[in-house]
Amino acid sequence: MTEAFGRIIVPVDGSEIANKAAGKALALAQLADIKVVAMHVINVDLSIYDYPKELQLLDLLQKEGHSILDEIVTLGKEMGITVSKKLVEGHPAEEIIKEAQEDDLIVMGSKGRTGLDRLLLGSVAENVARHASCPVMIVK
């Protein structure tokens, strides 16, 4: 099969819907023999770096992020798919868009772990779908 996409990027946050999207992404990757990048974005205000106590929080968030990514890697191994991991800090939509290239496919859940972002900033999935330079598949 000719590769329609260079790779599939699957942003995950540990939520049920993100895990469902990861399953869909892995199934697509298996069918088309495409590389998968599992991505977790730590949404951190840079001002926390001024306070040592908050650095411990950042360490916990990084450990949680690696754990979330490891689950996707394990699921990929079970399906015979190699999944690479990417853990970054920043604004989720911006970081996902920055990672994506024109020949990628982003597969992501319709909502994350909280609805607060949607009320205050707009949906991450909506922002990615509107501004990404590549196709975006949103899983409900």
C-alpha atoms as a PDB file:
ATOM      1  CA  MET A   1       0.000   0.000   0.000  1.00  0.00           C
ATOM      2  CA  THR A   2       1.321   3.422  -0.873  1.00  0.00           C
ATOM      3  CA  GLU A   3       1.778   5.503   2.230  1.00  0.00           C
ATOM      4  CA  ALA A   4      -0.871   8.183   2.378  1.00  0.00           C
ATOM      5  CA  PHE A   5       0.766   9.601   5.498  1.00  0.00           C
ATOM      6  CA  GLY A   6       4.341   9.799   6.724  1.00  0.00           C
ATOM      7  CA  ARG A   7       3.324   9.060  10.308  1.00  0.00           C
ATOM      8  CA  ILE A   8       0.436   9.221  12.709  1.00  0.00           C
ATOM      9  CA  ILE A   9       0.687  11.561  15.681  1.00  0.00           C
ATOM     10  CA  VAL A  10      -1.542  10.630  18.589  1.00  0.00           C
ATOM     11  CA  PRO A  11      -1.699  13.163  21.430  1.00  0.00           C
ATOM     12  CA  VAL A  12      -2.612  11.464  24.717  1.00  0.00           C
ATOM     13  CA  ASP A  13      -3.416  12.778  28.176  1.00  0.00           C
ATOM     14  CA  GLY A  14      -4.486   9.612  29.966  1.00  0.00           C
ATOM     15  CA  SER A  15      -8.206  10.228  29.452  1.00  0.00           C
ATOM     16  CA  GLU A  16     -10.539   7.490  28.254  1.00  0.00           C
ATOM     17  CA  ILE A  17     -11.246   9.306  24.987  1.00  0.00           C
ATOM     18  CA  ALA A  18      -7.524   9.838  24.292  1.00  0.00           C
ATOM     19  CA  ASN A  19      -6.898   6.132  24.862  1.00  0.00           C
ATOM     20  CA  LYS A  20      -9.750   5.315  22.470  1.00  0.00           C
ATOM     21  CA  ALA A  21      -8.179   7.624  19.871  1.00  0.00           C
ATOM     22  CA  ALA A  22      -4.813   5.913  20.428  1.00  0.00           C
ATOM     23  CA  GLY A  23      -6.452   2.551  19.723  1.00  0.00           C
ATOM     24  CA  LYS A  24      -7.878   3.897  16.452  1.00  0.00           C
ATOM     25  CA  ALA A  25      -4.493   5.389  15.516  1.00  0.00           C
ATOM     26  CA  LEU A  26      -2.712   2.097  16.166  1.00  0.00           C
ATOM     27  CA  ALA A  27      -5.286   0.163  14.135  1.00  0.00           C
ATOM     28  CA  LEU A  28      -4.768   2.549  11.198  1.00  0.00           C
ATOM     29  CA  ALA A  29      -1.003   2.282  11.562  1.00  0.00           C
ATOM     30  CA  GLN A  30      -1.225  -1.503  11.559  1.00  0.00           C
ATOM     31  CA  LEU A  31      -3.301  -1.538   8.369  1.00  0.00           C
ATOM     32  CA  ALA A  32      -1.108   0.922   6.500  1.00  0.00           C
ATOM     33  CA  ASP A  33       2.292   0.132   8.069  1.00  0.00           C
ATOM     34  CA  ILE A  34       2.811   3.727   9.205  1.00  0.00           C
ATOM     35  CA  LYS A  35       4.992   5.041  12.041  1.00  0.00           C
ATOM     36  CA  VAL A  36       3.243   6.269  15.185  1.00  0.00           C
ATOM     37  CA  VAL A  37       4.318   9.045  17.526  1.00  0.00           C
ATOM     38  CA  ALA A  38       2.560   9.125  20.896  1.00  0.00           C
ATOM     39  CA  MET A  39       2.731  12.671  22.223  1.00  0.00           C
ATOM     40  CA  HIS A  40       2.022  14.069  25.670  1.00  0.00           C
ATOM     41  CA  VAL A  41       2.072  17.793  26.354  1.00  0.00           C
ATOM     42  CA  ILE A  42       2.566  19.077  29.880  1.00  0.00           C
ATOM     43  CA  ASN A  43       0.603  22.304  30.023  1.00  0.00           C
ATOM     44  CA  VAL A  44       2.788  24.262  32.432  1.00  0.00           C
ATOM     45  CA  ASP A  45       2.922  27.981  33.140  1.00  0.00           C
ATOM     46  CA  LEU A  46       6.611  28.887  32.875  1.00  0.00           C
ATOM     47  CA  SER A  47       6.406  30.914  36.083  1.00  0.00           C
ATOM     48  CA  ILE A  48       6.478  27.694  38.133  1.00  0.00           C
ATOM     49  CA  TYR A  49      10.192  27.456  37.427  1.00  0.00           C
ATOM     50  CA  ASP A  50      10.720  30.285  39.916  1.00  0.00           C
ATOM     51  CA  TYR A  51       9.612  28.129  42.851  1.00  0.00           C
ATOM     52  CA  PRO A  52      11.463  25.002  43.997  1.00  0.00           C
ATOM     53  CA  LYS A  53       8.304  23.425  45.446  1.00  0.00           C
ATOM     54  CA  GLU A  54       6.630  23.626  42.028  1.00  0.00           C
ATOM     55  CA  LEU A  55       9.630  21.954  40.404  1.00  0.00           C
ATOM     56  CA  GLN A  56       8.557  18.850  42.305  1.00  0.00           C
ATOM     57  CA  LEU A  57       5.148  19.214  40.649  1.00  0.00           C
ATOM     58  CA  LEU A  58       6.827  19.401  37.247  1.00  0.00           C
ATOM     59  CA  ASP A  59       8.748  16.221  38.067  1.00  0.00           C
ATOM     60  CA  LEU A  60       5.465  14.486  38.953  1.00  0.00           C
ATOM     61  CA  LEU A  61       3.839  15.706  35.727  1.00  0.00           C
ATOM     62  CA  GLN A  62       6.792  14.413  33.702  1.00  0.00           C
ATOM     63  CA  LYS A  63       6.585  11.004  35.397  1.00  0.00           C
ATOM     64  CA  GLU A  64       2.839  10.885  34.756  1.00  0.00           C
ATOM     65  CA  GLY A  65       3.433  11.840  31.115  1.00  0.00           C
ATOM     66  CA  HIS A  66       6.003   9.075  30.645  1.00  0.00           C
ATOM     67  CA  SER A  67       3.611   6.583  32.240  1.00  0.00           C
ATOM     68  CA  ILE A  68       0.792   7.625  29.872  1.00  0.00           C
ATOM     69  CA  LEU A  69       3.126   7.312  26.877  1.00  0.00           C
ATOM     70  CA  ASP A  70       4.442   3.932  28.059  1.00  0.00           C
ATOM     71  CA  GLU A  71       0.869   2.568  28.016  1.00  0.00           C
ATOM     72  CA  ILE A  72       0.557   3.471  24.333  1.00  0.00           C
ATOM     73  CA  VAL A  73       3.978   1.973  23.554  1.00  0.00           C
ATOM     74  CA  THR A  74       2.916  -1.261  25.280  1.00  0.00           C
ATOM     75  CA  LEU A  75      -0.370  -1.369  23.371  1.00  0.00           C
ATOM     76  CA  GLY A  76       1.560  -0.813  20.151  1.00  0.00           C
ATOM     77  CA  LYS A  77       3.951  -3.684  20.955  1.00  0.00           C
ATOM     78  CA  GLU A  78       0.980  -5.970  21.527  1.00  0.00           C
ATOM     79  CA  MET A  79      -0.214  -5.069  18.016  1.00  0.00           C
ATOM     80  CA  GLY A  80       3.249  -5.379  16.454  1.00  0.00           C
ATOM     81  CA  ILE A  81       3.652  -1.606  16.015  1.00  0.00           C
ATOM     82  CA  THR A  82       6.650   0.426  17.094  1.00  0.00           C
ATOM     83  CA  VAL A  83       5.547   3.622  18.791  1.00  0.00           C
ATOM     84  CA  SER A  84       7.951   6.450  19.506  1.00  0.00           C
ATOM     85  CA  LYS A  85       7.305   8.774  22.441  1.00  0.00           C
ATOM     86  CA  LYS A  86       7.432  12.546  22.631  1.00  0.00           C
ATOM     87  CA  LEU A  87       6.995  14.455  25.906  1.00  0.00           C
ATOM     88  CA  VAL A  88       7.007  18.246  25.682  1.00  0.00           C
ATOM     89  CA  GLU A  89       5.993  21.233  27.776  1.00  0.00           C
ATOM     90  CA  GLY A  90       3.862  24.086  26.480  1.00  0.00           C
ATOM     91  CA  HIS A  91       0.360  24.820  25.260  1.00  0.00           C
ATOM     92  CA  PRO A  92      -1.121  21.525  24.005  1.00  0.00           C
ATOM     93  CA  ALA A  93      -2.642  22.733  20.708  1.00  0.00           C
ATOM     94  CA  GLU A  94       0.441  24.762  19.801  1.00  0.00           C
ATOM     95  CA  GLU A  95       2.836  21.900  20.538  1.00  0.00           C
ATOM     96  CA  ILE A  96       0.755  19.361  18.602  1.00  0.00           C
ATOM     97  CA  ILE A  97       0.536  21.692  15.602  1.00  0.00           C
ATOM     98  CA  LYS A  98       4.271  22.412  15.803  1.00  0.00           C
ATOM     99  CA  GLU A  99       5.071  18.673  15.793  1.00  0.00           C
ATOM    100  CA  ALA A 100       2.882  17.876  12.783  1.00  0.00           C
ATOM    101  CA  GLN A 101       4.218  17.951   9.248  1.00  0.00           C
ATOM    102  CA  GLU A 102       2.156  18.219   6.077  1.00  0.00           C
ATOM    103  CA  ASP A 103       2.261  14.487   5.353  1.00  0.00           C
ATOM    104  CA  ASP A 104       1.231  13.448   8.897  1.00  0.00           C
ATOM    105  CA  LEU A 105      -2.150  12.464  10.258  1.00  0.00           C
ATOM    106  CA  ILE A 106      -3.129  13.596  13.756  1.00  0.00           C
ATOM    107  CA  VAL A 107      -5.557  11.262  15.536  1.00  0.00           C
ATOM    108  CA  MET A 108      -6.871  12.687  18.798  1.00  0.00           C
ATOM    109  CA  GLY A 109      -9.773  12.554  21.202  1.00  0.00           C
ATOM    110  CA  SER A 110     -12.537  15.126  21.033  1.00  0.00           C
ATOM    111  CA  LYS A 111     -11.953  16.208  24.623  1.00  0.00           C
ATOM    112  CA  GLY A 112      -9.330  15.772  27.294  1.00  0.00           C
ATOM    113  CA  ARG A 113      -9.366  15.209  31.015  1.00  0.00           C
ATOM    114  CA  THR A 114     -11.166  18.444  31.870  1.00  0.00           C
ATOM    115  CA  GLY A 115     -13.752  20.636  30.258  1.00  0.00           C
ATOM    116  CA  LEU A 116     -12.205  23.755  31.820  1.00  0.00           C
ATOM    117  CA  ASP A 117      -9.906  24.383  28.834  1.00  0.00           C
ATOM    118  CA  ARG A 118     -12.899  24.476  26.527  1.00  0.00           C
ATOM    119  CA  LEU A 119     -14.600  27.123  28.671  1.00  0.00           C
ATOM    120  CA  LEU A 120     -11.523  29.305  29.048  1.00  0.00           C
ATOM    121  CA  LEU A 121      -9.368  28.758  25.987  1.00  0.00           C
ATOM    122  CA  GLY A 122     -11.337  26.747  23.451  1.00  0.00           C
ATOM    123  CA  SER A 123     -11.012  23.076  22.720  1.00  0.00           C
ATOM    124  CA  VAL A 124      -7.526  21.723  22.035  1.00  0.00           C
ATOM    125  CA  ALA A 125      -8.991  19.385  19.418  1.00  0.00           C
ATOM    126  CA  GLU A 126     -10.834  22.251  17.766  1.00  0.00           C
ATOM    127  CA  ASN A 127      -7.697  24.418  17.656  1.00  0.00           C
ATOM    128  CA  VAL A 128      -5.618  21.598  16.225  1.00  0.00           C
ATOM    129  CA  ALA A 129      -8.258  20.789  13.597  1.00  0.00           C
ATOM    130  CA  ARG A 130      -8.457  24.436  12.536  1.00  0.00           C
ATOM    131  CA  HIS A 131      -4.747  25.217  12.412  1.00  0.00           C
ATOM    132  CA  ALA A 132      -2.815  22.029  11.654  1.00  0.00           C
ATOM    133  CA  SER A 133      -1.154  21.797   8.250  1.00  0.00           C
ATOM    134  CA  CYS A 134      -2.132  18.129   7.981  1.00  0.00           C
ATOM    135  CA  PRO A 135      -5.360  16.109   8.248  1.00  0.00           C
ATOM    136  CA  VAL A 136      -6.820  15.646  11.727  1.00  0.00           C
ATOM    137  CA  MET A 137      -9.054  12.767  12.778  1.00  0.00           C
ATOM    138  CA  ILE A 138     -11.066  13.508  15.912  1.00  0.00           C
ATOM    139  CA  VAL A 139     -12.399  10.509  17.825  1.00  0.00           C
ATOM    140  CA  LYS A 140     -15.550  10.908  19.926  1.00  0.00           C
END
